[in-house]
PDB file of N, CA and C in Angstrom:
ATOM      1  N   UNK A   1       0.852  -1.175   0.000  1.00  0.00           N
ATOM      2  CA  UNK A   1       0.000   0.000   0.000  1.00  0.00           C
ATOM      3  C   UNK A   1       0.895   1.234   0.000  1.00  0.00           C
ATOM      4  N   UNK A   2       0.607   2.168  -0.876  1.00  0.00           N
ATOM      5  CA  UNK A   2       1.433   3.365  -0.971  1.00  0.00           C
ATOM      6  C   UNK A   2       1.094   4.337   0.160  1.00  0.00           C
ATOM      7  N   UNK A   3       1.986   5.302   0.373  1.00  0.00           N
ATOM      8  CA  UNK A   3       1.749   6.315   1.406  1.00  0.00           C
ATOM      9  C   UNK A   3       0.477   7.099   1.115  1.00  0.00           C
ATOM     10  N   UNK A   4       0.232   7.394  -0.174  1.00  0.00           N
ATOM     11  CA  UNK A   4      -0.950   8.149  -0.548  1.00  0.00           C
ATOM     12  C   UNK A   4      -2.221   7.375  -0.200  1.00  0.00           C
ATOM     13  N   UNK A   5      -2.243   6.080  -0.466  1.00  0.00           N
ATOM     14  CA  UNK A   5      -3.398   5.259  -0.121  1.00  0.00           C
ATOM     15  C   UNK A   5      -3.592   5.216   1.393  1.00  0.00           C
ATOM     16  N   UNK A   6      -2.505   5.113   2.134  1.00  0.00           N
ATOM     17  CA  UNK A   6      -2.588   5.081   3.587  1.00  0.00           C
ATOM     18  C   UNK A   6      -3.228   6.362   4.114  1.00  0.00           C
ATOM     19  N   UNK A   7      -2.822   7.517   3.580  1.00  0.00           N
ATOM     20  CA  UNK A   7      -3.383   8.787   4.031  1.00  0.00           C
ATOM     21  C   UNK A   7      -4.832   8.958   3.585  1.00  0.00           C
ATOM     22  N   UNK A   8      -5.207   8.377   2.477  1.00  0.00           N
ATOM     23  CA  UNK A   8      -6.606   8.448   2.060  1.00  0.00           C
ATOM     24  C   UNK A   8      -7.489   7.635   2.996  1.00  0.00           C
ATOM     25  N   UNK A   9      -6.968   6.528   3.541  1.00  0.00           N
ATOM     26  CA  UNK A   9      -7.725   5.702   4.477  1.00  0.00           C
ATOM     27  C   UNK A   9      -7.775   6.322   5.866  1.00  0.00           C
ATOM     28  N   UNK A  10      -6.787   7.134   6.198  1.00  0.00           N
ATOM     29  CA  UNK A  10      -6.699   7.746   7.523  1.00  0.00           C
ATOM     30  C   UNK A  10      -6.583   9.261   7.358  1.00  0.00           C
ATOM     31  N   UNK A  11      -7.717   9.940   7.087  1.00  0.00           N
ATOM     32  CA  UNK A  11      -7.645  11.378   6.787  1.00  0.00           C
ATOM     33  C   UNK A  11      -7.193  12.242   7.952  1.00  0.00           C
ATOM     34  N   UNK A  12      -7.182  11.705   9.191  1.00  0.00           N
ATOM     35  CA  UNK A  12      -6.753  12.503  10.340  1.00  0.00           C
ATOM     36  C   UNK A  12      -5.230  12.575  10.447  1.00  0.00           C
ATOM     37  N   UNK A  13      -4.500  11.763   9.681  1.00  0.00           N
ATOM     38  CA  UNK A  13      -3.037  11.806   9.699  1.00  0.00           C
ATOM     39  C   UNK A  13      -2.553  13.008   8.903  1.00  0.00           C
ATOM     40  N   UNK A  14      -1.481  13.629   9.357  1.00  0.00           N
ATOM     41  CA  UNK A  14      -0.889  14.716   8.601  1.00  0.00           C
ATOM     42  C   UNK A  14      -0.189  14.155   7.378  1.00  0.00           C
ATOM     43  N   UNK A  15      -0.239  14.908   6.304  1.00  0.00           N
ATOM     44  CA  UNK A  15       0.473  14.532   5.085  1.00  0.00           C
ATOM     45  C   UNK A  15       1.966  14.748   5.314  1.00  0.00           C
ATOM     46  N   UNK A  16       2.835  14.045   4.598  1.00  0.00           N
ATOM     47  CA  UNK A  16       4.272  14.274   4.750  1.00  0.00           C
ATOM     48  C   UNK A  16       4.614  15.744   4.488  1.00  0.00           C
ATOM     49  N   UNK A  17       5.364  16.347   5.401  1.00  0.00           N
ATOM     50  CA  UNK A  17       5.757  17.741   5.281  1.00  0.00           C
ATOM     51  C   UNK A  17       4.732  18.729   5.802  1.00  0.00           C
ATOM     52  N   UNK A  18       3.572  18.241   6.256  1.00  0.00           N
ATOM     53  CA  UNK A  18       2.514  19.116   6.779  1.00  0.00           C
ATOM     54  C   UNK A  18       2.689  19.266   8.287  1.00  0.00           C
ATOM     55  N   UNK A  19       2.662  20.494   8.776  1.00  0.00           N
ATOM     56  CA  UNK A  19       2.835  20.749  10.196  1.00  0.00           C
ATOM     57  C   UNK A  19       1.511  20.634  10.922  1.00  0.00           C
ATOM     58  N   UNK A  20       1.568  20.120  12.146  1.00  0.00           N
ATOM     59  CA  UNK A  20       0.375  20.064  12.977  1.00  0.00           C
ATOM     60  C   UNK A  20       0.078  21.399  13.641  1.00  0.00           C
ATOM     61  N   UNK A  21       1.037  22.308  13.608  1.00  0.00           N
ATOM     62  CA  UNK A  21       0.857  23.617  14.224  1.00  0.00           C
ATOM     63  C   UNK A  21       1.561  24.657  13.340  1.00  0.00           C
ATOM     64  N   UNK A  22       0.942  25.012  12.210  1.00  0.00           N
ATOM     65  CA  UNK A  22       1.633  25.874  11.246  1.00  0.00           C
ATOM     66  C   UNK A  22       1.963  27.273  11.765  1.00  0.00           C
ATOM     67  N   UNK A  23       1.215  27.781  12.745  1.00  0.00           N
ATOM     68  CA  UNK A  23       1.495  29.115  13.267  1.00  0.00           C
ATOM     69  C   UNK A  23       2.498  29.110  14.404  1.00  0.00           C
ATOM     70  N   UNK A  24       2.843  27.935  14.902  1.00  0.00           N
ATOM     71  CA  UNK A  24       3.799  27.842  15.998  1.00  0.00           C
ATOM     72  C   UNK A  24       3.173  28.189  17.337  1.00  0.00           C
ATOM     73  N   UNK A  25       4.004  28.218  18.355  1.00  0.00           N
ATOM     74  CA  UNK A  25       3.534  28.542  19.703  1.00  0.00           C
ATOM     75  C   UNK A  25       3.135  30.003  19.752  1.00  0.00           C
ATOM     76  N   UNK A  26       2.032  30.316  20.464  1.00  0.00           N
ATOM     77  CA  UNK A  26       1.624  31.720  20.585  1.00  0.00           C
ATOM     78  C   UNK A  26       2.711  32.560  21.255  1.00  0.00           C
ATOM     79  N   UNK A  27       2.780  33.823  20.876  1.00  0.00           N
ATOM     80  CA  UNK A  27       3.763  34.737  21.457  1.00  0.00           C
ATOM     81  C   UNK A  27       3.414  35.013  22.912  1.00  0.00           C
ATOM     82  N   UNK A  28       4.406  35.369  23.681  1.00  0.00           N
ATOM     83  CA  UNK A  28       4.180  35.709  25.082  1.00  0.00           C
ATOM     84  C   UNK A  28       4.660  34.604  26.002  1.00  0.00           C
ATOM     85  N   UNK A  29       4.454  34.824  27.290  1.00  0.00           N
ATOM     86  CA  UNK A  29       4.910  33.874  28.303  1.00  0.00           C
ATOM     87  C   UNK A  29       3.979  32.671  28.379  1.00  0.00           C
ATOM     88  N   UNK A  30       4.558  31.528  28.636  1.00  0.00           N
ATOM     89  CA  UNK A  30       3.747  30.359  28.945  1.00  0.00           C
ATOM     90  C   UNK A  30       3.338  30.453  30.417  1.00  0.00           C
ATOM     91  N   UNK A  31       2.379  29.635  30.815  1.00  0.00           N
ATOM     92  CA  UNK A  31       1.982  29.613  32.222  1.00  0.00           C
ATOM     93  C   UNK A  31       3.152  29.193  33.104  1.00  0.00           C
ATOM     94  N   UNK A  32       3.972  28.263  32.614  1.00  0.00           N
ATOM     95  CA  UNK A  32       5.124  27.815  33.390  1.00  0.00           C
ATOM     96  C   UNK A  32       6.107  28.966  33.595  1.00  0.00           C
ATOM     97  N   UNK A  33       6.378  29.732  32.538  1.00  0.00           N
ATOM     98  CA  UNK A  33       7.276  30.883  32.659  1.00  0.00           C
ATOM     99  C   UNK A  33       6.699  31.935  33.607  1.00  0.00           C
ATOM    100  N   UNK A  34       5.389  32.192  33.485  1.00  0.00           N
ATOM    101  CA  UNK A  34       4.737  33.175  34.345  1.00  0.00           C
ATOM    102  C   UNK A  34       4.821  32.745  35.808  1.00  0.00           C
ATOM    103  N   UNK A  35       4.495  31.465  36.080  1.00  0.00           N
ATOM    104  CA  UNK A  35       4.521  30.959  37.455  1.00  0.00           C
ATOM    105  C   UNK A  35       5.935  31.010  38.025  1.00  0.00           C
ATOM    106  N   UNK A  36       6.931  30.641  37.220  1.00  0.00           N
ATOM    107  CA  UNK A  36       8.322  30.673  37.682  1.00  0.00           C
ATOM    108  C   UNK A  36       8.726  32.093  38.070  1.00  0.00           C
ATOM    109  N   UNK A  37       8.414  33.063  37.204  1.00  0.00           N
ATOM    110  CA  UNK A  37       8.768  34.457  37.507  1.00  0.00           C
ATOM    111  C   UNK A  37       8.019  34.960  38.739  1.00  0.00           C
ATOM    112  N   UNK A  38       6.737  34.601  38.866  1.00  0.00           N
ATOM    113  CA  UNK A  38       5.944  35.026  40.020  1.00  0.00           C
ATOM    114  C   UNK A  38       6.538  34.485  41.312  1.00  0.00           C
ATOM    115  N   UNK A  39       6.850  33.189  41.322  1.00  0.00           N
ATOM    116  CA  UNK A  39       7.417  32.581  42.534  1.00  0.00           C
ATOM    117  C   UNK A  39       8.808  33.128  42.844  1.00  0.00           C
ATOM    118  N   UNK A  40       9.602  33.387  41.814  1.00  0.00           N
ATOM    119  CA  UNK A  40      10.946  33.925  42.031  1.00  0.00           C
ATOM    120  C   UNK A  40      10.900  35.348  42.581  1.00  0.00           C
ATOM    121  N   UNK A  41       9.820  36.078  42.303  1.00  0.00           N
ATOM    122  CA  UNK A  41       9.732  37.461  42.771  1.00  0.00           C
ATOM    123  C   UNK A  41       9.286  37.567  44.231  1.00  0.00           C
ATOM    124  N   UNK A  42       8.845  36.458  44.842  1.00  0.00           N
ATOM    125  CA  UNK A  42       8.394  36.477  46.243  1.00  0.00           C
ATOM    126  C   UNK A  42       9.583  36.601  47.185  1.00  0.00           C
ATOM    127  N   UNK A  43       9.347  37.277  48.322  1.00  0.00           N
ATOM    128  CA  UNK A  43      10.381  37.283  49.350  1.00  0.00           C
ATOM    129  C   UNK A  43      10.259  35.982  50.158  1.00  0.00           C
ATOM    130  N   UNK A  44      11.194  35.747  51.072  1.00  0.00           N
ATOM    131  CA  UNK A  44      11.217  34.477  51.808  1.00  0.00           C
ATOM    132  C   UNK A  44       9.945  34.238  52.618  1.00  0.00           C
ATOM    133  N   UNK A  45       9.407  35.269  53.245  1.00  0.00           N
ATOM    134  CA  UNK A  45       8.189  35.096  54.043  1.00  0.00           C
ATOM    135  C   UNK A  45       7.007  34.687  53.168  1.00  0.00           C
ATOM    136  N   UNK A  46       6.902  35.305  51.983  1.00  0.00           N
ATOM    137  CA  UNK A  46       5.818  34.961  51.054  1.00  0.00           C
ATOM    138  C   UNK A  46       5.977  33.523  50.544  1.00  0.00           C
ATOM    139  N   UNK A  47       7.219  33.120  50.294  1.00  0.00           N
ATOM    140  CA  UNK A  47       7.462  31.744  49.837  1.00  0.00           C
ATOM    141  C   UNK A  47       7.073  30.729  50.910  1.00  0.00           C
ATOM    142  N   UNK A  48       7.400  31.011  52.158  1.00  0.00           N
ATOM    143  CA  UNK A  48       7.038  30.105  53.260  1.00  0.00           C
ATOM    144  C   UNK A  48       5.523  30.015  53.396  1.00  0.00           C
ATOM    145  N   UNK A  49       4.835  31.141  53.316  1.00  0.00           N
ATOM    146  CA  UNK A  49       3.370  31.133  53.406  1.00  0.00           C
ATOM    147  C   UNK A  49       2.769  30.333  52.256  1.00  0.00           C
ATOM    148  N   UNK A  50       3.323  30.504  51.054  1.00  0.00           N
ATOM    149  CA  UNK A  50       2.832  29.754  49.890  1.00  0.00           C
ATOM    150  C   UNK A  50       3.048  28.260  50.099  1.00  0.00           C
ATOM    151  N   UNK A  51       4.251  27.851  50.515  1.00  0.00           N
ATOM    152  CA  UNK A  51       4.543  26.429  50.722  1.00  0.00           C
ATOM    153  C   UNK A  51       3.637  25.831  51.782  1.00  0.00           C
ATOM    154  N   UNK A  52       3.327  26.582  52.833  1.00  0.00           N
ATOM    155  CA  UNK A  52       2.412  26.092  53.869  1.00  0.00           C
ATOM    156  C   UNK A  52       0.993  25.930  53.336  1.00  0.00           C
ATOM    157  N   UNK A  53       0.627  26.698  52.316  1.00  0.00           N
ATOM    158  CA  UNK A  53      -0.748  26.648  51.800  1.00  0.00           C
ATOM    159  C   UNK A  53      -0.971  25.521  50.796  1.00  0.00           C
ATOM    160  N   UNK A  54       0.087  25.025  50.147  1.00  0.00           N
ATOM    161  CA  UNK A  54      -0.114  24.015  49.087  1.00  0.00           C
ATOM    162  C   UNK A  54       0.102  22.590  49.554  1.00  0.00           C
ATOM    163  N   UNK A  55       0.749  22.359  50.655  1.00  0.00           N
ATOM    164  CA  UNK A  55       0.949  21.001  51.137  1.00  0.00           C
ATOM    165  C   UNK A  55       2.319  20.447  50.784  1.00  0.00           C
ATOM    166  N   UNK A  56       2.762  19.527  51.628  1.00  0.00           N
ATOM    167  CA  UNK A  56       4.111  18.977  51.499  1.00  0.00           C
ATOM    168  C   UNK A  56       4.365  18.213  50.225  1.00  0.00           C
ATOM    169  N   UNK A  57       3.385  17.438  49.728  1.00  0.00           N
ATOM    170  CA  UNK A  57       3.617  16.657  48.512  1.00  0.00           C
ATOM    171  C   UNK A  57       3.823  17.554  47.299  1.00  0.00           C
ATOM    172  N   UNK A  58       3.100  18.674  47.224  1.00  0.00           N
ATOM    173  CA  UNK A  58       3.270  19.607  46.108  1.00  0.00           C
ATOM    174  C   UNK A  58       4.628  20.294  46.203  1.00  0.00           C
ATOM    175  N   UNK A  59       5.014  20.697  47.404  1.00  0.00           N
ATOM    176  CA  UNK A  59       6.329  21.321  47.592  1.00  0.00           C
ATOM    177  C   UNK A  59       7.425  20.351  47.180  1.00  0.00           C
ATOM    178  N   UNK A  60       7.287  19.078  47.554  1.00  0.00           N
ATOM    179  CA  UNK A  60       8.291  18.068  47.196  1.00  0.00           C
ATOM    180  C   UNK A  60       8.408  17.935  45.683  1.00  0.00           C
ATOM    181  N   UNK A  61       7.262  17.856  44.997  1.00  0.00           N
ATOM    182  CA  UNK A  61       7.296  17.720  43.527  1.00  0.00           C
ATOM    183  C   UNK A  61       7.877  18.966  42.879  1.00  0.00           C
ATOM    184  N   UNK A  62       7.601  20.132  43.459  1.00  0.00           N
ATOM    185  CA  UNK A  62       8.179  21.364  42.915  1.00  0.00           C
ATOM    186  C   UNK A  62       9.695  21.353  43.061  1.00  0.00           C
ATOM    187  N   UNK A  63      10.176  20.825  44.175  1.00  0.00           N
ATOM    188  CA  UNK A  63      11.620  20.816  44.431  1.00  0.00           C
ATOM    189  C   UNK A  63      12.329  19.715  43.648  1.00  0.00           C
ATOM    190  N   UNK A  64      11.739  18.529  43.601  1.00  0.00           N
ATOM    191  CA  UNK A  64      12.396  17.366  43.001  1.00  0.00           C
ATOM    192  C   UNK A  64      11.927  17.064  41.586  1.00  0.00           C
ATOM    193  N   UNK A  65      10.796  17.587  41.186  1.00  0.00           N
ATOM    194  CA  UNK A  65      10.192  17.225  39.911  1.00  0.00           C
ATOM    195  C   UNK A  65       9.305  16.005  40.110  1.00  0.00           C
ATOM    196  N   UNK A  66       8.360  15.796  39.208  1.00  0.00           N
ATOM    197  CA  UNK A  66       7.498  14.627  39.304  1.00  0.00           C
ATOM    198  C   UNK A  66       8.316  13.372  39.065  1.00  0.00           C
ATOM    199  N   UNK A  67       7.997  12.277  39.754  1.00  0.00           N
ATOM    200  CA  UNK A  67       8.731  11.038  39.512  1.00  0.00           C
ATOM    201  C   UNK A  67       8.516  10.550  38.084  1.00  0.00           C
ATOM    202  N   UNK A  68       9.555   9.913  37.531  1.00  0.00           N
ATOM    203  CA  UNK A  68       9.472   9.379  36.174  1.00  0.00           C
ATOM    204  C   UNK A  68       8.473   8.228  36.144  1.00  0.00           C
ATOM    205  N   UNK A  69       7.576   8.229  35.158  1.00  0.00           N
ATOM    206  CA  UNK A  69       6.547   7.198  35.079  1.00  0.00           C
ATOM    207  C   UNK A  69       6.670   6.452  33.765  1.00  0.00           C
ATOM    208  N   UNK A  70       7.101   5.198  33.827  1.00  0.00           N
ATOM    209  CA  UNK A  70       7.210   4.375  32.628  1.00  0.00           C
ATOM    210  C   UNK A  70       6.164   3.281  32.599  1.00  0.00           C
ATOM    211  N   UNK A  71       5.489   3.067  33.718  1.00  0.00           N
ATOM    212  CA  UNK A  71       4.577   1.938  33.789  1.00  0.00           C
ATOM    213  C   UNK A  71       3.129   2.395  33.695  1.00  0.00           C
ATOM    214  N   UNK A  72       2.307   1.494  33.251  1.00  0.00           N
ATOM    215  CA  UNK A  72       0.874   1.718  33.168  1.00  0.00           C
ATOM    216  C   UNK A  72       0.261   1.081  34.400  1.00  0.00           C
ATOM    217  N   UNK A  73      -0.157   1.896  35.350  1.00  0.00           N
ATOM    218  CA  UNK A  73      -0.652   1.340  36.603  1.00  0.00           C
ATOM    219  C   UNK A  73      -2.072   0.803  36.476  1.00  0.00           C
ATOM    220  N   UNK A  74      -2.746   1.108  35.390  1.00  0.00           N
ATOM    221  CA  UNK A  74      -4.137   0.689  35.251  1.00  0.00           C
ATOM    222  C   UNK A  74      -4.291  -0.705  34.659  1.00  0.00           C
ATOM    223  N   UNK A  75      -3.467  -1.073  33.695  1.00  0.00           N
ATOM    224  CA  UNK A  75      -3.689  -2.342  33.008  1.00  0.00           C
ATOM    225  C   UNK A  75      -2.779  -3.453  33.507  1.00  0.00           C
ATOM    226  N   UNK A  76      -1.817  -3.140  34.343  1.00  0.00           N
ATOM    227  CA  UNK A  76      -0.894  -4.168  34.810  1.00  0.00           C
ATOM    228  C   UNK A  76      -0.071  -4.778  33.687  1.00  0.00           C
ATOM    229  N   UNK A  77       0.144  -4.035  32.612  1.00  0.00           N
ATOM    230  CA  UNK A  77       0.947  -4.521  31.496  1.00  0.00           C
ATOM    231  C   UNK A  77       0.147  -5.299  30.462  1.00  0.00           C
ATOM    232  N   UNK A  78      -1.139  -5.518  30.696  1.00  0.00           N
ATOM    233  CA  UNK A  78      -1.979  -6.242  29.736  1.00  0.00           C
ATOM    234  C   UNK A  78      -2.498  -5.261  28.692  1.00  0.00           C
ATOM    235  N   UNK A  79      -2.819  -5.765  27.484  1.00  0.00           N
ATOM    236  CA  UNK A  79      -3.391  -4.870  26.466  1.00  0.00           C
ATOM    237  C   UNK A  79      -4.693  -4.245  26.980  1.00  0.00           C
ATOM    238  N   UNK A  80      -4.908  -2.999  26.617  1.00  0.00           N
ATOM    239  CA  UNK A  80      -6.105  -2.286  27.040  1.00  0.00           C
ATOM    240  C   UNK A  80      -7.183  -2.469  25.977  1.00  0.00           C
ATOM    241  N   UNK A  81      -8.354  -2.919  26.398  1.00  0.00           N
ATOM    242  CA  UNK A  81      -9.481  -3.143  25.494  1.00  0.00           C
ATOM    243  C   UNK A  81     -10.084  -1.810  25.083  1.00  0.00           C
ATOM    244  N   UNK A  82     -10.234  -1.609  23.771  1.00  0.00           N
ATOM    245  CA  UNK A  82     -10.895  -0.425  23.233  1.00  0.00           C
ATOM    246  C   UNK A  82     -12.118  -0.914  22.473  1.00  0.00           C
ATOM    247  N   UNK A  83     -13.324  -0.474  22.857  1.00  0.00           N
ATOM    248  CA  UNK A  83     -14.523  -0.931  22.157  1.00  0.00           C
ATOM    249  C   UNK A  83     -14.438  -0.654  20.658  1.00  0.00           C
ATOM    250  N   UNK A  84     -14.870  -1.604  19.863  1.00  0.00           N
ATOM    251  CA  UNK A  84     -14.730  -1.493  18.409  1.00  0.00           C
ATOM    252  C   UNK A  84     -15.478  -0.298  17.834  1.00  0.00           C
ATOM    253  N   UNK A  85     -16.534   0.164  18.504  1.00  0.00           N
ATOM    254  CA  UNK A  85     -17.274   1.312  17.969  1.00  0.00           C
ATOM    255  C   UNK A  85     -16.470   2.608  18.064  1.00  0.00           C
ATOM    256  N   UNK A  86     -15.386   2.605  18.824  1.00  0.00           N
ATOM    257  CA  UNK A  86     -14.531   3.787  18.930  1.00  0.00           C
ATOM    258  C   UNK A  86     -13.393   3.785  17.915  1.00  0.00           C
ATOM    259  N   UNK A  87     -13.224   2.675  17.200  1.00  0.00           N
ATOM    260  CA  UNK A  87     -12.135   2.540  16.239  1.00  0.00           C
ATOM    261  C   UNK A  87     -12.711   2.619  14.835  1.00  0.00           C
ATOM    262  N   UNK A  88     -12.141   3.461  13.943  1.00  0.00           N
ATOM    263  CA  UNK A  88     -12.620   3.488  12.562  1.00  0.00           C
ATOM    264  C   UNK A  88     -12.563   2.079  11.959  1.00  0.00           C
ATOM    265  N   UNK A  89     -13.550   1.727  11.155  1.00  0.00           N
ATOM    266  CA  UNK A  89     -13.676   0.365  10.640  1.00  0.00           C
ATOM    267  C   UNK A  89     -12.434  -0.123   9.908  1.00  0.00           C
ATOM    268  N   UNK A  90     -11.741   0.751   9.195  1.00  0.00           N
ATOM    269  CA  UNK A  90     -10.546   0.334   8.453  1.00  0.00           C
ATOM    270  C   UNK A  90      -9.390  -0.029   9.367  1.00  0.00           C
ATOM    271  N   UNK A  91      -9.442   0.401  10.620  1.00  0.00           N
ATOM    272  CA  UNK A  91      -8.333   0.181  11.539  1.00  0.00           C
ATOM    273  C   UNK A  91      -8.576  -0.956  12.519  1.00  0.00           C
ATOM    274  N   UNK A  92      -9.691  -1.663  12.395  1.00  0.00           N
ATOM    275  CA  UNK A  92      -9.994  -2.734  13.338  1.00  0.00           C
ATOM    276  C   UNK A  92      -8.980  -3.864  13.227  1.00  0.00           C
ATOM    277  N   UNK A  93      -8.417  -4.290  14.349  1.00  0.00           N
ATOM    278  CA  UNK A  93      -7.537  -5.459  14.317  1.00  0.00           C
ATOM    279  C   UNK A  93      -8.377  -6.725  14.144  1.00  0.00           C
ATOM    280  N   UNK A  94      -7.709  -7.838  13.936  1.00  0.00           N
ATOM    281  CA  UNK A  94      -8.413  -9.103  13.744  1.00  0.00           C
ATOM    282  C   UNK A  94      -9.289  -9.431  14.940  1.00  0.00           C
ATOM    283  N   UNK A  95      -8.804  -9.208  16.158  1.00  0.00           N
ATOM    284  CA  UNK A  95      -9.565  -9.505  17.356  1.00  0.00           C
ATOM    285  C   UNK A  95      -9.688  -8.241  18.185  1.00  0.00           C
ATOM    286  N   UNK A  96     -10.919  -7.868  18.548  1.00  0.00           N
ATOM    287  CA  UNK A  96     -11.120  -6.660  19.348  1.00  0.00           C
ATOM    288  C   UNK A  96     -11.653  -6.998  20.718  1.00  0.00           C
ATOM    289  N   UNK A  97     -11.676  -8.271  21.076  1.00  0.00           N
ATOM    290  CA  UNK A  97     -12.163  -8.671  22.391  1.00  0.00           C
ATOM    291  C   UNK A  97     -10.994  -8.832  23.345  1.00  0.00           C
ATOM    292  N   UNK A  98     -11.200  -8.476  24.636  1.00  0.00           N
ATOM    293  CA  UNK A  98     -10.103  -8.645  25.613  1.00  0.00           C
ATOM    294  C   UNK A  98      -9.836 -10.125  25.864  1.00  0.00           C
ATOM    295  N   UNK A  99      -8.581 -10.400  26.231  1.00  0.00           N
ATOM    296  CA  UNK A  99      -8.223 -11.783  26.581  1.00  0.00           C
ATOM    297  C   UNK A  99      -8.976 -12.212  27.807  1.00  0.00           C
ATOM    298  N   UNK A 100      -9.454 -13.443  27.793  1.00  0.00           N
ATOM    299  CA  UNK A 100     -10.114 -13.963  29.001  1.00  0.00           C
ATOM    300  C   UNK A 100      -9.062 -14.382  29.996  1.00  0.00           C
ATOM    301  N   UNK A 101      -9.383 -14.202  31.264  1.00  0.00           N
ATOM    302  CA  UNK A 101      -8.393 -14.492  32.299  1.00  0.00           C
ATOM    303  C   UNK A 101      -8.648 -15.825  32.942  1.00  0.00           C
TER     304      UNK A 101
END
């Protein structure tokens, strides 16, 4: 099957060389940049009051970053069942039923 045929069957795919965001990121600060500047502008007393208001787990994640997540805690490593009515007919695999346990 050629690339052109593949894209005709899956019209939601971008064509080769087509950008998903042709205008690029909007100008101005992102929320992350804004929040960083806001927090950096606080004096020590304001920072302590803020940390007391958000809770220890949030402060920890802010200091250390979120833990790296490579595992899927919901499926236990088993394939996730997707109802066939949610999959376009051309993309249905041979079997759409979950494995019996």
